[in-house]
Every structure is written in structure tokens, then in C-alpha cells.
Amino acid sequence: MQYRPPADSLGNSVTLHDPASLPALNDFIEGFIACEARAVNVLNAAADTSPMVQASCAALHMFAESAQGPSNARPFTERALEHAPRATDREQRFVAAVAAWVHGDLPRAIALHEEQARLHPRDLASLKLGQYHLFNRGDSPGMLRIARHALPAAADVPYLHGMLAFGWEQCHRLQEAEAAARHAIALCRKEPWAHHALAHVMLTQGRIAEGTNFMASMSDTWTGLNSFMVTHNWWHQALFLLEQDRHAEVLALYDQQVWGVVKEYTQDQINAVSLLARLELAGVDVGHRWADVADHLAPRLADHVLPFLDLQYLYGLARAGRMQAARTLQNNIATHAATRTEAHERTVWQQVCVPAAHGLLAHAQGDWATAVEKLGVALPRLVEIGGSHAQRDLFHQIWLDALQRNGQWTAVQNVLQPMVNGQPESARLARQVCAVNAALGLPA
């Protein structure tokens, strides 16, 4: 009888030193692509020196998005690389990609994930990891291209269609995004990434009431997810409610669903910063809530994992009144930017993140003219720092607020009225444009 090596749940052969590790490895693969908390179960198999197990453990440590991530991950990549020569070509490529990430070589990591998607299109954990890196570098066409490599080999997997949906949406191809998201949900109603992609589409198209009802109708499936996915989908629901001026409900969602799941995690922290800031920009008193968030941001002054994260840490600290910490972070960002050697990183940190940090701190300090100037420099290139359209919209709202507070009413009107035209259901924007029209002596 011919020997058949073990395979993961997507049919990719794996080299395991301990066959009992296969369920834990599958938990990582399935949990990662389905945004489920069980992905961490692979750590239970960490004693197995098999390359895929070790590389998966390393990836989990990197997903903490903390300054300690690489040092925590490095022992796992070292073991993975040591045993990789006896593994398959696919496994060696996955290990090399994770090791490149740990060592800060994202161009190499991305190239390896893209190659993997072409050669092994059912390695969806590699594909999703490649999308993650491309997203963080603002390369939405790359996100879509890498996902399309998996068709038709993995067309039966609902999570692939969720990845495609988000890639289409980030490329502003909203019709294709909605079709892919709805196909994913038809294959598996519990596909939170597809819910998330469709929420993006509906918010962009101004389908506020429909989006609210859709997310509410899917929320019963948001169980067993990692903290980012559950808090972020509730964050999206909060954005729909915020557009309707349903402020009490937004505050309740913040308290019950958005903040407090894993307060130490970066993504939970930026969800909280973004929602509190938007509430305040909408004229809502958020009470004491900034203080608790700032307590968890304070240890991140030297992280510099992603510019998108640093900017929100800085603004959160400043809104909480921790001005010395915010100034320290701004200085640290400038110092870090000056030391970047990789071309993309150097450009983004120096030419986008540094002026944006200056502008955000100026806004928090009430220096409206400087906020307008510095954010105006950064905003046209903000896609380069990563994050989604919906997430980066926070910085546009802050800039618009600075314009208004600086008395630049004509500029505000020219920016705000087209937004109102595209979002006729938004009570928030309608209320804001009324104030602008009154200041300019225009009819309501």
C-alpha cells in the first residue's frame, strides 16, 4: 500500500513529527481563516518541532502586534527553519515567509506568500497572511490579486470568498465585493469577515438602515471569534448607529461589545480610540472612558509596529489628557522614522506618519491651524499607512473638525456637501452641514 502523508483540513500535505499535533494545526489554519479564537490552540502543540507547527506558533506571537512580538516569535522560527529541509516545498515556503516577517523583511514575506498562492492555492492560511501584510502596506490591488490566485482551486471554501470580498471592497469595486460577500454567506452564514466586508460596502454606499439591520441579523453568529473580529464587527455596527445620531446605543455598544474583550490587544485598543474620537467629534460627552483606554496605550510608546497603530495610540493618549505621553510618542515616531532603511517603510514613516502625528497632536491641543496644515499634508497619502477606508476616515473627520474650528467654512462646505450628497441617510452629516450653511449664510 502506498504511503500517504497526513494532510491538513484543506488538503495540503504536512510533515509532522508528532501526528497528534494535526488537530491543533488544523485549529490554527481553520481558526485563522475563519477569525476564530481556536487558532491559538496550536500553541498546545508547541513541543512538536514540525516546521508548520513552529511557524504557526511564531505567527501567533507576531499577531500580538507588539514590540515584543519578534523576540517572542524568533525561537519558533529558528526551530521551524532547522527542520524545514525535511518538509515539503510548500511548508518550506510558509516557514520562510513567517521568518521574513519576524525579521522585518515584509517585501520578501509578501513575495513568498504570493508565490505560495500561485503554486498551492489551497494554502489559505498563507494567502490570508499575505493579505494581512498587503493591507498593512496599503496595497489593496495586491490583496485582491493574491486572493484571486486561489480560484477555482478553493472555490468551495467560504472564507476565500470573504477574503475576495474585502479585496474587492478595498479596491472600490463595490458590486463585486457585495457579490463575493453574499456568496460567502450563502456557503456559510457564520462568515464574519464577509459580514465585515458587506458592512464596508453598505457604509460606503450610504445604506445606513440596511447596514444596521444586516449586522444585527448576523450578530448571533459572532461566537467563538478572536477578540479583533467580534469587537470590530460591533464597531462597524456602532458606526451605522452613529450616522443615525443614536448616541446612547453607540455608548452602550462601546461599553458592552467594543471595549473590554481583550484590553491588552492592539486592535481592541484602536477600535476603542476610533469610536470614542468619533463620538466626541459628533458632539457626544464620553465621560471617563478615555482614561481606561489610555492606561492600556501608555506601554506602547516605543512599539512602532505599524504607523497606523502609532497614530491612534498618540491621539488616544492626547484625548485622555496624557499630553506628556503623547508628546513622547510623537518624538519617538520621528526618531523611528529617521532610522528606517527599507524604501516603503522609510517613505511612509517620514512623509506620512510624521506629519499626521504632528497634526493629530495639534488637534488635541486646540492648535487648529497646525492641525489643518499637517493633516492636509498627510491625508492624500494616508492609504500608505494601511488600515481600511472606514478606519482612515477618522483622520479625515479630525481634519474637517480642525478646518471648521479654524473658521475655514468655505473649505468645510466644499468637503462636507459632497459627503452629504452621497450619504442621504446620515443624520450626523445632515446636522453638521446645517451648521456650516448657517455660518455661511446659505439656506438649509
Protein backbone atom coordinates (compact mmCIF):
# COMPACT_ATOMS: atom_id res chain seq x y z
CA MET A 1 0.00 0.00 0.00
CA GLN A 2 1.35 3.41 -0.96
CA TYR A 3 2.08 5.71 1.97
CA ARG A 4 0.05 8.92 2.07
CA PRO A 5 1.40 11.72 4.24
CA PRO A 6 -1.05 13.43 6.56
CA ALA A 7 -2.92 16.43 5.18
CA ASP A 8 -4.43 19.47 6.81
CA SER A 9 -8.15 20.20 6.63
CA LEU A 10 -7.71 21.99 3.28
CA GLY A 11 -5.91 19.02 1.72
CA ASN A 12 -2.34 20.32 1.94
CA SER A 13 0.16 17.63 2.93
CA VAL A 14 2.03 18.28 6.17
CA THR A 15 5.20 16.94 7.74
CA LEU A 16 4.51 16.20 11.39
CA HIS A 17 6.94 14.76 13.90
CA ASP A 18 4.00 14.04 16.20
CA PRO A 19 0.83 13.03 14.32
CA ALA A 20 -1.20 14.00 17.38
CA SER A 21 -0.44 17.64 16.53
CA LEU A 22 -2.67 17.61 13.45
CA PRO A 23 -5.88 18.76 15.23
CA ALA A 24 -4.02 21.70 16.80
CA LEU A 25 -2.51 22.66 13.45
CA ASN A 26 -5.94 22.47 11.84
CA ASP A 27 -7.29 24.69 14.60
CA PHE A 28 -4.72 27.29 13.61
CA ILE A 29 -5.46 27.03 9.89
CA GLU A 30 -9.25 26.94 10.22
CA GLY A 31 -9.32 29.39 13.11
CA PHE A 32 -7.11 31.88 11.31
CA ILE A 33 -9.10 31.97 8.07
CA ALA A 34 -12.42 31.95 9.98
CA CYS A 35 -11.28 34.62 12.51
CA GLU A 36 -11.89 32.21 15.39
CA ALA A 37 -10.15 32.13 18.75
CA ARG A 38 -9.27 28.45 18.40
CA ALA A 39 -6.30 29.43 16.23
CA VAL A 40 -4.32 29.77 19.48
CA ASN A 41 -4.74 26.03 20.13
CA VAL A 42 -1.65 25.38 18.02
CA LEU A 43 0.37 26.64 21.00
CA ASN A 44 -0.71 23.47 22.80
CA ALA A 45 1.39 21.55 20.27
CA ALA A 46 4.45 23.79 20.61
CA ALA A 47 6.58 20.85 21.81
CA ASP A 48 6.29 19.36 18.31
CA THR A 49 9.24 20.69 16.29
CA SER A 50 7.41 20.17 12.99
CA PRO A 51 8.03 23.22 10.74
CA MET A 52 4.38 24.13 10.19
CA VAL A 53 3.56 23.89 13.89
CA GLN A 54 6.53 26.05 14.85
CA ALA A 55 5.86 28.64 12.13
CA SER A 56 2.20 28.84 13.14
CA CYS A 57 3.19 29.47 16.76
CA ALA A 58 5.56 32.21 15.58
CA ALA A 59 2.79 33.84 13.55
CA LEU A 60 0.52 33.95 16.61
CA HIS A 61 3.18 35.82 18.57
CA MET A 62 3.59 38.29 15.71
CA PHE A 63 -0.15 38.88 15.56
CA ALA A 64 0.11 40.45 19.01
CA GLU A 65 1.42 43.48 17.07
CA SER A 66 3.64 44.41 19.98
CA ALA A 67 7.29 45.40 20.30
CA GLN A 68 7.93 42.03 21.94
CA GLY A 69 6.39 40.05 19.08
CA PRO A 70 9.57 39.35 17.09
CA SER A 71 11.63 38.28 20.11
CA ASN A 72 8.81 36.01 21.28
CA ALA A 73 8.42 34.53 17.80
CA ARG A 74 12.10 34.05 16.95
CA PRO A 75 12.67 30.77 18.89
CA PHE A 76 9.79 29.23 16.94
CA THR A 77 11.08 30.34 13.53
CA GLU A 78 14.56 29.10 14.40
CA ARG A 79 13.19 25.63 15.13
CA ALA A 80 11.00 25.76 12.03
CA LEU A 81 13.96 26.68 9.81
CA GLU A 82 16.11 23.98 11.39
CA HIS A 83 13.62 21.25 10.47
CA ALA A 84 12.31 22.78 7.22
CA PRO A 85 14.75 20.94 4.88
CA ARG A 86 12.89 17.70 5.65
CA ALA A 87 9.49 19.25 4.92
CA THR A 88 7.62 19.83 1.66
CA ASP A 89 8.29 22.72 -0.68
CA ARG A 90 5.00 24.35 0.40
CA GLU A 91 5.91 24.11 4.08
CA GLN A 92 9.39 25.47 3.47
CA ARG A 93 7.93 28.49 1.70
CA PHE A 94 5.45 29.16 4.53
CA VAL A 95 8.24 28.91 7.11
CA ALA A 96 10.47 31.25 5.09
CA ALA A 97 7.64 33.78 4.79
CA VAL A 98 6.94 33.81 8.52
CA ALA A 99 10.68 34.04 9.27
CA ALA A 100 10.96 37.02 6.91
CA TRP A 101 8.10 38.71 8.76
CA VAL A 102 9.77 38.09 12.12
CA HIS A 103 13.00 39.63 10.78
CA GLY A 104 11.18 42.68 9.41
CA ASP A 105 11.58 41.83 5.71
CA LEU A 106 7.99 42.32 4.57
CA PRO A 107 8.74 42.58 0.82
CA ARG A 108 10.25 39.09 0.95
CA ALA A 109 7.38 37.76 3.08
CA ILE A 110 4.81 39.13 0.63
CA ALA A 111 6.65 37.74 -2.39
CA LEU A 112 6.72 34.27 -0.79
CA HIS A 113 3.01 34.38 0.08
CA GLU A 114 2.19 35.48 -3.46
CA GLU A 115 4.26 32.61 -4.88
CA GLN A 116 2.55 30.20 -2.49
CA ALA A 117 -0.88 31.39 -3.66
CA ARG A 118 0.06 30.58 -7.26
CA LEU A 119 1.65 27.20 -6.55
CA HIS A 120 -0.55 26.00 -3.67
CA PRO A 121 -3.86 27.86 -3.93
CA ARG A 122 -5.47 25.85 -1.13
CA ASP A 123 -2.94 27.10 1.40
CA LEU A 124 -5.42 29.71 2.57
CA ALA A 125 -3.58 30.43 5.82
CA SER A 126 -0.61 31.62 3.76
CA LEU A 127 -2.96 33.58 1.49
CA LYS A 128 -4.67 35.34 4.38
CA LEU A 129 -1.32 36.16 5.95
CA GLY A 130 -0.20 37.66 2.65
CA GLN A 131 -3.39 39.73 2.53
CA TYR A 132 -2.68 40.94 6.07
CA HIS A 133 0.75 42.26 5.06
CA LEU A 134 -0.56 43.85 1.87
CA PHE A 135 -3.38 45.52 3.80
CA ASN A 136 -0.91 46.98 6.29
CA ARG A 137 1.09 48.47 3.40
CA GLY A 138 -1.97 49.96 1.73
CA ASP A 139 -1.72 47.66 -1.30
CA SER A 140 -5.38 46.85 -1.93
CA PRO A 141 -4.84 45.69 -5.56
CA GLY A 142 -2.30 43.22 -4.18
CA MET A 143 -4.86 42.00 -1.65
CA LEU A 144 -7.28 41.25 -4.46
CA ARG A 145 -4.71 39.66 -6.79
CA ILE A 146 -3.42 37.23 -4.19
CA ALA A 147 -6.92 36.08 -3.29
CA ARG A 148 -7.87 35.57 -6.94
CA HIS A 149 -4.99 33.09 -7.30
CA ALA A 150 -6.97 30.67 -5.12
CA LEU A 151 -9.86 30.49 -7.60
CA PRO A 152 -11.04 27.99 -8.70
CA ALA A 153 -8.95 25.57 -6.60
CA ALA A 154 -10.55 26.73 -3.32
CA ALA A 155 -13.91 27.97 -4.56
CA ASP A 156 -15.64 25.59 -2.14
CA VAL A 157 -14.20 27.39 0.91
CA PRO A 158 -16.47 30.22 2.11
CA TYR A 159 -13.62 32.08 3.80
CA LEU A 160 -11.86 32.57 0.46
CA HIS A 161 -14.89 34.48 -0.79
CA GLY A 162 -14.79 36.63 2.34
CA MET A 163 -11.14 37.45 1.56
CA LEU A 164 -12.09 38.24 -2.03
CA ALA A 165 -14.95 40.45 -0.85
CA PHE A 166 -12.67 42.59 1.29
CA GLY A 167 -10.11 42.82 -1.51
CA TRP A 168 -12.78 43.98 -3.96
CA GLU A 169 -14.12 46.49 -1.43
CA GLN A 170 -10.73 47.99 -0.67
CA CYS A 171 -10.27 48.42 -4.44
CA HIS A 172 -13.58 50.36 -4.53
CA ARG A 173 -15.17 47.60 -6.62
CA LEU A 174 -18.32 47.54 -4.50
CA GLN A 175 -20.59 45.49 -6.74
CA GLU A 176 -18.06 42.64 -6.93
CA ALA A 177 -17.40 42.97 -3.19
CA GLU A 178 -21.06 42.55 -2.33
CA ALA A 179 -21.45 39.58 -4.66
CA ALA A 180 -18.43 37.82 -3.13
CA ALA A 181 -19.57 38.54 0.43
CA ARG A 182 -23.08 37.27 -0.22
CA HIS A 183 -21.67 34.13 -1.87
CA ALA A 184 -19.50 33.50 1.19
CA ILE A 185 -22.51 33.90 3.48
CA ALA A 186 -24.58 31.57 1.29
CA LEU A 187 -21.88 28.92 1.72
CA CYS A 188 -21.56 29.58 5.47
CA ARG A 189 -23.80 32.01 7.33
CA LYS A 190 -21.16 32.30 10.07
CA GLU A 191 -18.52 34.06 7.96
CA PRO A 192 -17.69 37.17 9.99
CA TRP A 193 -15.11 38.52 7.53
CA ALA A 194 -17.77 38.52 4.82
CA HIS A 195 -20.17 40.30 7.22
CA HIS A 196 -17.41 42.84 7.78
CA ALA A 197 -16.79 43.34 4.05
CA LEU A 198 -20.50 43.84 3.39
CA ALA A 199 -20.70 46.37 6.24
CA HIS A 200 -17.96 48.33 4.46
CA VAL A 201 -19.92 48.26 1.21
CA MET A 202 -23.16 49.41 2.82
CA LEU A 203 -21.48 52.21 4.78
CA THR A 204 -19.70 53.45 1.67
CA GLN A 205 -22.93 53.43 -0.33
CA GLY A 206 -24.90 55.18 2.41
CA ARG A 207 -27.17 52.19 3.06
CA ILE A 208 -27.26 53.04 6.75
CA ALA A 209 -30.56 51.47 7.84
CA GLU A 210 -29.93 48.37 5.74
CA GLY A 211 -26.44 48.00 7.18
CA THR A 212 -27.73 48.33 10.74
CA ASN A 213 -30.34 45.64 10.15
CA PHE A 214 -27.90 43.35 8.34
CA MET A 215 -25.27 43.43 11.08
CA ALA A 216 -27.92 42.92 13.75
CA SER A 217 -29.26 39.92 11.85
CA MET A 218 -25.81 38.29 11.71
CA SER A 219 -24.62 39.12 15.22
CA ASP A 220 -25.93 35.85 16.67
CA THR A 221 -23.15 34.08 14.73
CA TRP A 222 -20.35 36.16 16.26
CA THR A 223 -19.41 33.47 18.75
CA GLY A 224 -16.05 31.83 19.32
CA LEU A 225 -14.30 34.60 17.35
CA ASN A 226 -10.98 36.22 18.15
CA SER A 227 -11.32 39.48 20.03
CA PHE A 228 -10.48 41.62 16.99
CA MET A 229 -13.23 40.14 14.84
CA VAL A 230 -16.00 40.32 17.41
CA THR A 231 -15.13 43.81 18.63
CA HIS A 232 -14.56 45.09 15.10
CA ASN A 233 -17.88 43.86 13.76
CA TRP A 234 -19.62 45.52 16.69
CA TRP A 235 -17.52 48.63 15.93
CA HIS A 236 -18.97 48.60 12.43
CA GLN A 237 -22.47 48.34 13.86
CA ALA A 238 -21.66 51.31 16.09
CA LEU A 239 -20.67 53.34 13.00
CA PHE A 240 -24.08 52.71 11.44
CA LEU A 241 -25.77 53.82 14.66
CA LEU A 242 -23.53 56.88 14.92
CA GLU A 243 -24.62 58.03 11.46
CA GLN A 244 -28.20 57.95 12.77
CA ASP A 245 -27.33 60.03 15.88
CA ARG A 246 -28.30 57.07 18.09
CA HIS A 247 -25.67 58.10 20.60
CA ALA A 248 -26.95 56.25 23.68
CA GLU A 249 -26.91 52.99 21.73
CA VAL A 250 -23.38 53.67 20.48
CA LEU A 251 -22.14 54.28 24.02
CA ALA A 252 -23.84 51.07 25.15
CA LEU A 253 -22.14 49.12 22.35
CA TYR A 254 -18.81 50.67 23.29
CA ASP A 255 -19.21 49.59 26.91
CA GLN A 256 -20.61 46.12 26.23
CA GLN A 257 -19.02 44.93 22.98
CA VAL A 258 -16.22 47.14 21.65
CA TRP A 259 -14.02 47.80 24.69
CA GLY A 260 -13.14 45.26 27.31
CA VAL A 261 -12.82 41.94 25.49
CA VAL A 262 -9.00 41.87 25.44
CA LYS A 263 -7.91 45.33 26.55
CA GLU A 264 -4.24 44.50 26.06
CA TYR A 265 -4.67 43.78 22.34
CA THR A 266 -3.75 46.42 19.77
CA GLN A 267 -6.83 46.00 17.60
CA ASP A 268 -9.22 46.25 20.55
CA GLN A 269 -7.39 49.41 21.60
CA ILE A 270 -7.65 51.14 18.23
CA ASN A 271 -11.33 50.18 17.92
CA ALA A 272 -11.85 51.95 21.24
CA VAL A 273 -9.80 55.03 20.31
CA SER A 274 -11.56 55.39 16.98
CA LEU A 275 -15.07 55.04 18.38
CA LEU A 276 -14.53 57.42 21.30
CA ALA A 277 -12.96 60.00 18.99
CA ARG A 278 -15.86 59.77 16.53
CA LEU A 279 -18.35 60.16 19.35
CA GLU A 280 -16.63 63.31 20.56
CA LEU A 281 -16.44 64.70 17.02
CA ALA A 282 -20.20 64.12 16.82
CA GLY A 283 -20.63 66.23 19.96
CA VAL A 284 -21.11 63.40 22.47
CA ASP A 285 -19.73 63.55 26.02
CA VAL A 286 -17.93 60.22 26.53
CA GLY A 287 -17.36 60.83 30.23
CA HIS A 288 -14.50 58.99 31.91
CA ARG A 289 -13.98 56.41 29.16
CA TRP A 290 -10.69 57.77 27.76
CA ALA A 291 -8.81 57.13 30.99
CA ASP A 292 -9.10 53.34 30.90
CA VAL A 293 -8.06 53.20 27.25
CA ALA A 294 -5.07 55.47 27.90
CA ASP A 295 -3.88 53.20 30.71
CA HIS A 296 -3.53 50.44 28.11
CA LEU A 297 -1.95 52.70 25.49
CA ALA A 298 0.74 54.05 27.80
CA PRO A 299 3.01 50.96 27.49
CA ARG A 300 3.08 51.34 23.68
CA LEU A 301 5.22 54.48 23.39
CA ALA A 302 8.11 52.56 21.81
CA ASP A 303 6.21 49.88 19.85
CA HIS A 304 6.27 51.26 16.27
CA VAL A 305 4.94 48.03 14.79
CA LEU A 306 2.75 49.84 12.26
CA PRO A 307 2.36 53.59 11.64
CA PHE A 308 -1.42 53.17 11.51
CA LEU A 309 -1.37 51.89 15.11
CA ASP A 310 1.04 54.53 16.43
CA LEU A 311 -1.13 57.38 15.17
CA GLN A 312 -4.15 56.11 17.05
CA TYR A 313 -2.15 55.45 20.21
CA LEU A 314 -0.94 59.06 20.08
CA TYR A 315 -4.39 60.54 19.56
CA GLY A 316 -5.93 58.36 22.27
CA LEU A 317 -3.32 59.44 24.79
CA ALA A 318 -3.81 63.09 23.87
CA ARG A 319 -7.62 62.89 24.09
CA ALA A 320 -7.20 61.35 27.54
CA GLY A 321 -5.14 64.36 28.63
CA ARG A 322 -1.88 62.37 28.77
CA MET A 323 -0.08 65.09 26.85
CA GLN A 324 3.42 64.24 28.02
CA ALA A 325 2.98 60.64 26.87
CA ALA A 326 1.55 61.83 23.57
CA ARG A 327 4.49 64.20 23.01
CA THR A 328 6.92 61.40 23.87
CA LEU A 329 5.25 59.14 21.32
CA GLN A 330 5.39 61.89 18.69
CA ASN A 331 9.11 62.30 19.32
CA ASN A 332 9.60 58.53 19.25
CA ILE A 333 7.77 58.33 15.92
CA ALA A 334 10.11 60.96 14.44
CA THR A 335 13.18 59.13 15.76
CA HIS A 336 11.93 55.78 14.48
CA ALA A 337 11.10 57.27 11.07
CA ALA A 338 14.66 58.59 10.72
CA THR A 339 16.11 55.09 11.20
CA ARG A 340 14.04 53.26 8.54
CA THR A 341 16.09 51.69 5.75
CA GLU A 342 13.55 49.77 3.64
CA ALA A 343 12.24 52.14 0.96
CA HIS A 344 8.50 51.79 1.53
CA GLU A 345 8.83 51.92 5.31
CA ARG A 346 11.07 54.98 5.20
CA THR A 347 8.70 56.86 2.91
CA VAL A 348 5.58 56.05 4.89
CA TRP A 349 7.00 56.80 8.31
CA GLN A 350 8.79 60.00 7.28
CA GLN A 351 6.41 61.52 4.73
CA VAL A 352 3.02 60.37 6.01
CA CYS A 353 3.19 59.27 9.64
CA VAL A 354 5.35 62.12 10.98
CA PRO A 355 3.15 64.97 9.63
CA ALA A 356 -0.02 63.08 10.60
CA ALA A 357 1.27 62.66 14.16
CA HIS A 358 2.07 66.38 14.32
CA GLY A 359 -1.42 67.23 13.08
CA LEU A 360 -3.23 64.87 15.45
CA LEU A 361 -1.37 66.19 18.46
CA ALA A 362 -2.07 69.77 17.33
CA HIS A 363 -5.79 68.99 17.09
CA ALA A 364 -5.87 67.51 20.57
CA GLN A 365 -4.11 70.65 21.85
CA GLY A 366 -6.54 73.02 20.09
CA ASP A 367 -3.97 74.28 17.59
CA TRP A 368 -6.41 74.21 14.69
CA ALA A 369 -4.22 75.91 12.08
CA THR A 370 -1.36 73.45 12.57
CA ALA A 371 -3.78 70.52 12.57
CA VAL A 372 -5.21 71.70 9.24
CA GLU A 373 -1.75 72.16 7.74
CA LYS A 374 -0.12 68.91 8.89
CA LEU A 375 -3.11 66.63 8.38
CA GLY A 376 -3.59 68.26 4.97
CA VAL A 377 -0.09 67.08 4.05
CA ALA A 378 -0.72 63.52 5.20
CA LEU A 379 -4.31 62.85 4.11
CA PRO A 380 -3.79 62.49 0.34
CA ARG A 381 -1.30 59.67 1.02
CA LEU A 382 -2.90 58.15 4.08
CA VAL A 383 -3.68 54.87 2.30
CA GLU A 384 0.06 54.11 2.50
CA ILE A 385 -0.09 53.59 6.29
CA GLY A 386 -2.61 50.74 5.93
CA GLY A 387 -5.98 50.39 7.59
CA SER A 388 -9.30 50.33 5.79
CA HIS A 389 -11.24 53.20 4.24
CA ALA A 390 -13.62 53.19 7.20
CA GLN A 391 -10.78 53.23 9.72
CA ARG A 392 -8.83 56.01 7.98
CA ASP A 393 -11.99 58.13 7.79
CA LEU A 394 -11.34 59.05 11.44
CA PHE A 395 -8.36 61.18 10.34
CA HIS A 396 -10.49 62.91 7.70
CA GLN A 397 -13.11 63.70 10.34
CA ILE A 398 -10.44 65.19 12.61
CA TRP A 399 -9.10 67.33 9.75
CA LEU A 400 -12.61 68.51 8.87
CA ASP A 401 -13.22 69.42 12.51
CA ALA A 402 -9.96 71.41 12.54
CA LEU A 403 -10.99 73.25 9.38
CA GLN A 404 -14.28 74.21 10.96
CA ARG A 405 -12.77 75.28 14.27
CA ASN A 406 -10.21 77.33 12.35
CA GLY A 407 -13.07 79.21 10.68
CA GLN A 408 -12.37 77.85 7.19
CA TRP A 409 -16.06 77.50 6.43
CA THR A 410 -15.79 77.60 2.64
CA ALA A 411 -13.33 74.72 2.65
CA VAL A 412 -15.58 72.78 5.03
CA GLN A 413 -18.61 73.33 2.80
CA ASN A 414 -16.73 72.10 -0.26
CA VAL A 415 -15.71 68.91 1.53
CA LEU A 416 -18.86 68.25 3.53
CA GLN A 417 -21.64 68.84 0.99
CA PRO A 418 -20.49 66.08 -1.40
CA MET A 419 -20.35 63.73 1.59
CA VAL A 420 -23.94 64.65 2.47
CA ASN A 421 -24.99 64.08 -1.13
CA GLY A 422 -23.53 60.57 -1.02
CA GLN A 423 -24.94 59.75 2.41
CA PRO A 424 -28.56 60.98 2.39
CA GLU A 425 -29.46 58.73 5.35
CA SER A 426 -26.76 60.20 7.62
CA ALA A 427 -28.31 62.34 10.34
CA ARG A 428 -24.80 63.12 11.60
CA LEU A 429 -23.70 64.70 8.32
CA ALA A 430 -27.04 66.47 7.81
CA ARG A 431 -26.70 68.06 11.23
CA GLN A 432 -23.13 69.14 10.53
CA VAL A 433 -23.92 70.67 7.15
CA CYS A 434 -26.76 72.68 8.67
CA ALA A 435 -24.26 74.39 10.97
CA VAL A 436 -21.95 75.07 8.03
CA ASN A 437 -24.74 76.55 5.94
CA ALA A 438 -25.79 78.78 8.81
CA ALA A 439 -22.24 80.06 9.25
CA LEU A 440 -22.02 80.84 5.53
CA GLY A 441 -25.47 82.42 5.30
CA LEU A 442 -26.70 79.68 2.97
CA PRO A 443 -30.19 78.16 3.03
CA ALA A 444 -30.60 74.90 4.88
